[in-house]
Structures are given as C-alpha cells and as structure tokens.
PDB file of N, CA and C in Angstrom:
ATOM      1  N   MET A   1       0.445  -1.095   0.036  1.00  0.00           N
ATOM      2  CA  MET A   1       0.091   0.000   0.023  1.00  0.00           C
ATOM      3  C   MET A   1       0.933   1.329   0.420  1.00  0.00           C
ATOM      4  N   ILE A   2       1.630   0.716   0.551  1.00  0.00           N
ATOM      5  CA  ILE A   2       2.645   1.996   0.719  1.00  0.00           C
ATOM      6  C   ILE A   2       3.210   2.386  -0.575  1.00  0.00           C
ATOM      7  N   ALA A   3       3.541   1.763  -1.030  1.00  0.00           N
ATOM      8  CA  ALA A   3       4.208   2.295  -1.988  1.00  0.00           C
ATOM      9  C   ALA A   3       3.367   1.997  -3.534  1.00  0.00           C
ATOM     10  N   ALA A   4       2.438   2.128  -3.293  1.00  0.00           N
ATOM     11  CA  ALA A   4       1.711   1.820  -4.250  1.00  0.00           C
ATOM     12  C   ALA A   4       1.169   4.000  -4.026  1.00  0.00           C
ATOM     13  N   ILE A   5       1.366   4.645  -2.883  1.00  0.00           N
ATOM     14  CA  ILE A   5       1.158   5.874  -2.979  1.00  0.00           C
ATOM     15  C   ILE A   5       2.321   6.444  -2.945  1.00  0.00           C
ATOM     16  N   ILE A   6       3.686   5.859  -2.910  1.00  0.00           N
ATOM     17  CA  ILE A   6       5.176   6.461  -3.097  1.00  0.00           C
ATOM     18  C   ILE A   6       4.770   6.704  -4.605  1.00  0.00           C
ATOM     19  N   LEU A   7       4.204   5.919  -5.549  1.00  0.00           N
ATOM     20  CA  LEU A   7       4.882   5.316  -7.068  1.00  0.00           C
ATOM     21  C   LEU A   7       3.433   6.746  -7.377  1.00  0.00           C
ATOM     22  N   VAL A   8       2.388   7.010  -7.123  1.00  0.00           N
ATOM     23  CA  VAL A   8       1.915   7.578  -7.485  1.00  0.00           C
ATOM     24  C   VAL A   8       2.075   9.082  -7.356  1.00  0.00           C
ATOM     25  N   LEU A   9       2.688   9.453  -6.066  1.00  0.00           N
ATOM     26  CA  LEU A   9       3.731  10.246  -5.669  1.00  0.00           C
ATOM     27  C   LEU A   9       4.857  10.615  -6.702  1.00  0.00           C
ATOM     28  N   ALA A  10       5.218   9.895  -7.054  1.00  0.00           N
ATOM     29  CA  ALA A  10       6.687   9.696  -7.771  1.00  0.00           C
ATOM     30  C   ALA A  10       5.492  10.607  -9.453  1.00  0.00           C
ATOM     31  N   GLY A  11       4.740   9.503  -9.633  1.00  0.00           N
ATOM     32  CA  GLY A  11       4.064   9.489 -11.203  1.00  0.00           C
ATOM     33  C   GLY A  11       4.175  11.269 -11.184  1.00  0.00           C
ATOM     34  N   LEU A  12       3.474  11.850 -10.006  1.00  0.00           N
ATOM     35  CA  LEU A  12       2.154  12.846 -10.567  1.00  0.00           C
ATOM     36  C   LEU A  12       3.544  13.956 -10.614  1.00  0.00           C
ATOM     37  N   TYR A  13       4.880  14.297  -8.959  1.00  0.00           N
ATOM     38  CA  TYR A  13       5.713  15.006  -9.486  1.00  0.00           C
ATOM     39  C   TYR A  13       6.261  14.566 -10.804  1.00  0.00           C
ATOM     40  N   CYS A  14       6.538  13.629 -12.253  1.00  0.00           N
ATOM     41  CA  CYS A  14       7.147  13.464 -12.478  1.00  0.00           C
ATOM     42  C   CYS A  14       6.537  14.489 -13.528  1.00  0.00           C
ATOM     43  N   LEU A  15       4.801  14.305 -14.084  1.00  0.00           N
ATOM     44  CA  LEU A  15       4.231  15.127 -15.182  1.00  0.00           C
ATOM     45  C   LEU A  15       3.984  16.818 -14.525  1.00  0.00           C
ATOM     46  N   ALA A  16       4.309  16.826 -13.792  1.00  0.00           N
ATOM     47  CA  ALA A  16       3.865  18.321 -13.299  1.00  0.00           C
ATOM     48  C   ALA A  16       5.906  19.101 -13.558  1.00  0.00           C
ATOM     49  N   ARG A  17       6.873  17.848 -13.200  1.00  0.00           N
ATOM     50  CA  ARG A  17       8.173  18.346 -13.376  1.00  0.00           C
ATOM     51  C   ARG A  17       7.674  18.170 -14.858  1.00  0.00           C
ATOM     52  N   GLY A  18       7.662  17.615 -15.977  1.00  0.00           N
ATOM     53  CA  GLY A  18       7.489  17.350 -17.327  1.00  0.00           C
ATOM     54  C   GLY A  18       6.813  19.003 -17.639  1.00  0.00           C
ATOM     55  N   VAL A  19       6.220  19.294 -17.354  1.00  0.00           N
ATOM     56  CA  VAL A  19       4.958  20.412 -17.101  1.00  0.00           C
ATOM     57  C   VAL A  19       5.634  21.739 -17.799  1.00  0.00           C
ATOM     58  N   MET A  20       6.170  21.878 -16.465  1.00  0.00           N
ATOM     59  CA  MET A  20       6.880  23.011 -15.938  1.00  0.00           C
ATOM     60  C   MET A  20       8.106  23.461 -17.193  1.00  0.00           C
ATOM     61  N   ASP A  21       8.881  22.387 -17.428  1.00  0.00           N
ATOM     62  CA  ASP A  21       9.743  21.786 -17.792  1.00  0.00           C
ATOM     63  C   ASP A  21       9.527  22.152 -19.553  1.00  0.00           C
ATOM     64  N   LEU A  22       8.296  22.027 -20.199  1.00  0.00           N
ATOM     65  CA  LEU A  22       7.847  22.736 -21.162  1.00  0.00           C
ATOM     66  C   LEU A  22       7.691  23.792 -21.746  1.00  0.00           C
ATOM     67  N   ARG A  23       6.872  24.569 -19.934  1.00  0.00           N
ATOM     68  CA  ARG A  23       6.542  25.926 -20.201  1.00  0.00           C
ATOM     69  C   ARG A  23       8.242  27.089 -19.861  1.00  0.00           C
ATOM     70  N   ALA A  24       9.097  26.025 -19.683  1.00  0.00           N
ATOM     71  CA  ALA A  24      10.423  26.887 -20.029  1.00  0.00           C
ATOM     72  C   ALA A  24      11.120  26.492 -21.234  1.00  0.00           C
ATOM     73  N   LYS A  25      10.528  26.261 -21.945  1.00  0.00           N
ATOM     74  CA  LYS A  25      11.049  26.147 -23.493  1.00  0.00           C
ATOM     75  C   LYS A  25      11.560  24.633 -23.560  1.00  0.00           C
ATOM     76  N   ARG A  26      12.124  23.777 -22.459  1.00  0.00           N
ATOM     77  CA  ARG A  26      13.130  23.118 -22.213  1.00  0.00           C
ATOM     78  C   ARG A  26      12.326  21.584 -22.827  1.00  0.00           C
ATOM     79  N   TRP A  27      12.319  21.369 -24.243  1.00  0.00           N
ATOM     80  CA  TRP A  27      11.009  20.484 -24.975  1.00  0.00           C
ATOM     81  C   TRP A  27      11.797  19.311 -24.504  1.00  0.00           C
ATOM     82  N   VAL A  28      12.927  18.958 -24.547  1.00  0.00           N
ATOM     83  CA  VAL A  28      14.048  17.523 -24.401  1.00  0.00           C
ATOM     84  C   VAL A  28      13.062  17.254 -22.936  1.00  0.00           C
ATOM     85  N   TRP A  29      13.693  17.883 -21.969  1.00  0.00           N
ATOM     86  CA  TRP A  29      12.920  17.453 -20.305  1.00  0.00           C
ATOM     87  C   TRP A  29      11.409  17.143 -20.315  1.00  0.00           C
ATOM     88  N   GLY A  30      11.396  18.611 -20.645  1.00  0.00           N
ATOM     89  CA  GLY A  30       9.525  18.216 -20.631  1.00  0.00           C
ATOM     90  C   GLY A  30       9.198  16.937 -21.310  1.00  0.00           C
ATOM     91  N   ALA A  31       9.336  16.473 -22.339  1.00  0.00           N
ATOM     92  CA  ALA A  31       8.612  15.073 -23.016  1.00  0.00           C
ATOM     93  C   ALA A  31       9.046  14.057 -21.708  1.00  0.00           C
ATOM     94  N   LEU A  32      10.427  14.645 -21.730  1.00  0.00           N
ATOM     95  CA  LEU A  32      11.041  13.018 -20.707  1.00  0.00           C
ATOM     96  C   LEU A  32      10.056  12.939 -19.729  1.00  0.00           C
ATOM     97  N   GLY A  33       9.945  14.187 -18.638  1.00  0.00           N
ATOM     98  CA  GLY A  33       9.157  13.842 -17.330  1.00  0.00           C
ATOM     99  C   GLY A  33       7.971  13.572 -18.276  1.00  0.00           C
ATOM    100  N   ILE A  34       7.233  14.038 -19.186  1.00  0.00           N
ATOM    101  CA  ILE A  34       5.686  13.359 -18.939  1.00  0.00           C
ATOM    102  C   ILE A  34       6.002  12.312 -19.845  1.00  0.00           C
ATOM    103  N   VAL A  35       6.605  11.769 -20.306  1.00  0.00           N
ATOM    104  CA  VAL A  35       6.675   9.880 -20.572  1.00  0.00           C
ATOM    105  C   VAL A  35       6.444   9.350 -19.443  1.00  0.00           C
ATOM    106  N   ALA A  36       8.292   9.870 -18.801  1.00  0.00           N
ATOM    107  CA  ALA A  36       8.405   9.031 -17.283  1.00  0.00           C
ATOM    108  C   ALA A  36       6.769   9.393 -16.598  1.00  0.00           C
ATOM    109  N   GLY A  37       5.820  10.577 -16.009  1.00  0.00           N
ATOM    110  CA  GLY A  37       4.899  10.123 -15.427  1.00  0.00           C
ATOM    111  C   GLY A  37       3.921   9.228 -15.984  1.00  0.00           C
ATOM    112  N   ILE A  38       4.263   9.261 -17.557  1.00  0.00           N
ATOM    113  CA  ILE A  38       2.571   8.227 -17.840  1.00  0.00           C
ATOM    114  C   ILE A  38       3.409   6.946 -17.488  1.00  0.00           C
ATOM    115  N   ALA A  39       4.439   6.786 -17.670  1.00  0.00           N
ATOM    116  CA  ALA A  39       5.561   5.104 -16.812  1.00  0.00           C
ATOM    117  C   ALA A  39       5.204   4.751 -16.277  1.00  0.00           C
ATOM    118  N   ILE A  40       4.695   5.933 -15.167  1.00  0.00           N
ATOM    119  CA  ILE A  40       4.221   5.452 -14.090  1.00  0.00           C
ATOM    120  C   ILE A  40       3.361   5.801 -13.473  1.00  0.00           C
ATOM    121  N   MET A  41       2.668   5.759 -13.954  1.00  0.00           N
ATOM    122  CA  MET A  41       1.056   5.748 -13.472  1.00  0.00           C
ATOM    123  C   MET A  41       0.553   4.332 -14.191  1.00  0.00           C
ATOM    124  N   ALA A  42       1.137   3.973 -15.283  1.00  0.00           N
ATOM    125  CA  ALA A  42       0.203   3.385 -16.197  1.00  0.00           C
ATOM    126  C   ALA A  42       1.148   1.732 -15.708  1.00  0.00           C
ATOM    127  N   ALA A  43       2.308   2.158 -14.809  1.00  0.00           N
ATOM    128  CA  ALA A  43       2.536   0.833 -14.695  1.00  0.00           C
ATOM    129  C   ALA A  43       2.303  -0.464 -12.951  1.00  0.00           C
ATOM    130  N   PRO A  44       1.697  -1.852 -13.833  1.00  0.00           N
ATOM    131  CA  PRO A  44       0.881  -1.951 -12.727  1.00  0.00           C
ATOM    132  C   PRO A  44       1.311  -2.746 -11.252  1.00  0.00           C
ATOM    133  N   ILE A  45       0.674  -2.342 -10.129  1.00  0.00           N
ATOM    134  CA  ILE A  45       1.098  -2.519  -9.624  1.00  0.00           C
ATOM    135  C   ILE A  45       0.693  -3.743  -8.811  1.00  0.00           C
ATOM    136  N   PRO A  46       1.826  -4.726  -8.584  1.00  0.00           N
ATOM    137  CA  PRO A  46       1.102  -5.761  -7.814  1.00  0.00           C
ATOM    138  C   PRO A  46       0.474  -5.757  -6.844  1.00  0.00           C
ATOM    139  N   THR A  47      -0.315  -7.117  -6.043  1.00  0.00           N
ATOM    140  CA  THR A  47      -1.052  -6.390  -4.932  1.00  0.00           C
ATOM    141  C   THR A  47      -1.284  -8.469  -4.334  1.00  0.00           C
ATOM    142  N   GLN A  48      -1.609  -8.809  -3.369  1.00  0.00           N
ATOM    143  CA  GLN A  48      -1.643  -9.426  -3.038  1.00  0.00           C
ATOM    144  C   GLN A  48      -2.732 -10.309  -1.979  1.00  0.00           C
ATOM    145  N   VAL A  49      -4.092 -10.442  -2.722  1.00  0.00           N
ATOM    146  CA  VAL A  49      -5.176  -9.518  -1.686  1.00  0.00           C
ATOM    147  C   VAL A  49      -5.800 -11.269  -2.087  1.00  0.00           C
ATOM    148  N   GLN A  50      -6.263 -12.217  -0.499  1.00  0.00           N
ATOM    149  CA  GLN A  50      -6.457 -13.576  -1.083  1.00  0.00           C
ATOM    150  C   GLN A  50      -8.284 -13.226  -0.161  1.00  0.00           C
ATOM    151  N   VAL A  51      -8.882 -13.424  -0.631  1.00  0.00           N
ATOM    152  CA  VAL A  51      -9.710 -14.173   0.144  1.00  0.00           C
ATOM    153  C   VAL A  51     -10.850 -15.441   0.782  1.00  0.00           C
ATOM    154  N   GLU A  52     -10.383 -15.666   1.915  1.00  0.00           N
ATOM    155  CA  GLU A  52     -10.861 -17.070   2.519  1.00  0.00           C
ATOM    156  C   GLU A  52     -12.167 -17.436   2.904  1.00  0.00           C
ATOM    157  N   LEU A  53     -13.280 -17.699   2.460  1.00  0.00           N
ATOM    158  CA  LEU A  53     -14.100 -18.686   2.982  1.00  0.00           C
ATOM    159  C   LEU A  53     -14.613 -19.659   3.377  1.00  0.00           C
ATOM    160  N   PRO A  54     -15.434 -19.810   4.424  1.00  0.00           N
ATOM    161  CA  PRO A  54     -15.975 -20.244   5.518  1.00  0.00           C
ATOM    162  C   PRO A  54     -16.078 -22.029   4.270  1.00  0.00           C
ATOM    163  N   ALA A  55     -15.922 -22.954   5.270  1.00  0.00           N
ATOM    164  CA  ALA A  55     -16.866 -24.131   4.654  1.00  0.00           C
ATOM    165  C   ALA A  55     -17.293 -24.138   4.760  1.00  0.00           C
ATOM    166  N   ALA A  56     -18.820 -24.936   4.141  1.00  0.00           N
ATOM    167  CA  ALA A  56     -19.912 -24.951   4.348  1.00  0.00           C
ATOM    168  C   ALA A  56     -20.457 -26.332   5.015  1.00  0.00           C
ATOM    169  N   GLN A  57     -20.883 -26.712   6.047  1.00  0.00           N
ATOM    170  CA  GLN A  57     -20.828 -27.276   7.382  1.00  0.00           C
ATOM    171  C   GLN A  57     -22.125 -28.439   6.738  1.00  0.00           C
ATOM    172  N   GLY A  58     -23.161 -27.032   5.880  1.00  0.00           N
ATOM    173  CA  GLY A  58     -24.109 -28.711   5.637  1.00  0.00           C
ATOM    174  C   GLY A  58     -24.552 -28.434   4.562  1.00  0.00           C
ATOM    175  N   GLU A  59     -26.079 -28.301   4.034  1.00  0.00           N
ATOM    176  CA  GLU A  59     -27.189 -27.960   3.153  1.00  0.00           C
ATOM    177  C   GLU A  59     -28.142 -27.649   3.482  1.00  0.00           C
ATOM    178  N   MET A  60     -28.290 -26.354   3.203  1.00  0.00           N
ATOM    179  CA  MET A  60     -29.438 -25.776   3.482  1.00  0.00           C
ATOM    180  C   MET A  60     -30.958 -26.061   2.838  1.00  0.00           C
ATOM    181  N   THR A  61     -31.755 -26.230   3.077  1.00  0.00           N
ATOM    182  CA  THR A  61     -33.024 -26.486   2.179  1.00  0.00           C
ATOM    183  C   THR A  61     -34.305 -25.166   2.480  1.00  0.00           C
ATOM    184  N   PRO A  62     -34.647 -24.298   1.812  1.00  0.00           N
ATOM    185  CA  PRO A  62     -35.101 -23.432   1.523  1.00  0.00           C
ATOM    186  C   PRO A  62     -36.731 -23.726   2.307  1.00  0.00           C
TER     187      PRO A  62
END
C-alpha cells in the first residue's frame, strides 16, 4: 500500500515537472518528464489479496 502511494506521488511529480519544463521551453526534458510520469502511473502494481470463505457445514433447504 505504501509503495503504491509512493509510485503515484513520483508519477505526479514527473508529470508536474514535465509540464514546468515544457513551459520553460526545455522541450526534451519536458517530454521525458511527461513520458516518465505516464509510464510510472501506467505500471501495474502487484497486490496479494486473498479471500478465504468458510467451508460449508451442511446443505441448507429452503
């Protein structure tokens, strides 16, 4: 969970920095920042969710 938050913050930083670089007419750094931000935000975040259901103890009749 913490790793996901860190990745989102890093992606947002890259996007914001890329926009700032584009506004300052640093075209290559701006493009690289935006591409890096999109790549970080689009990366799949592995999760390990396991749901255990209780075993049925008997048949229920209506």
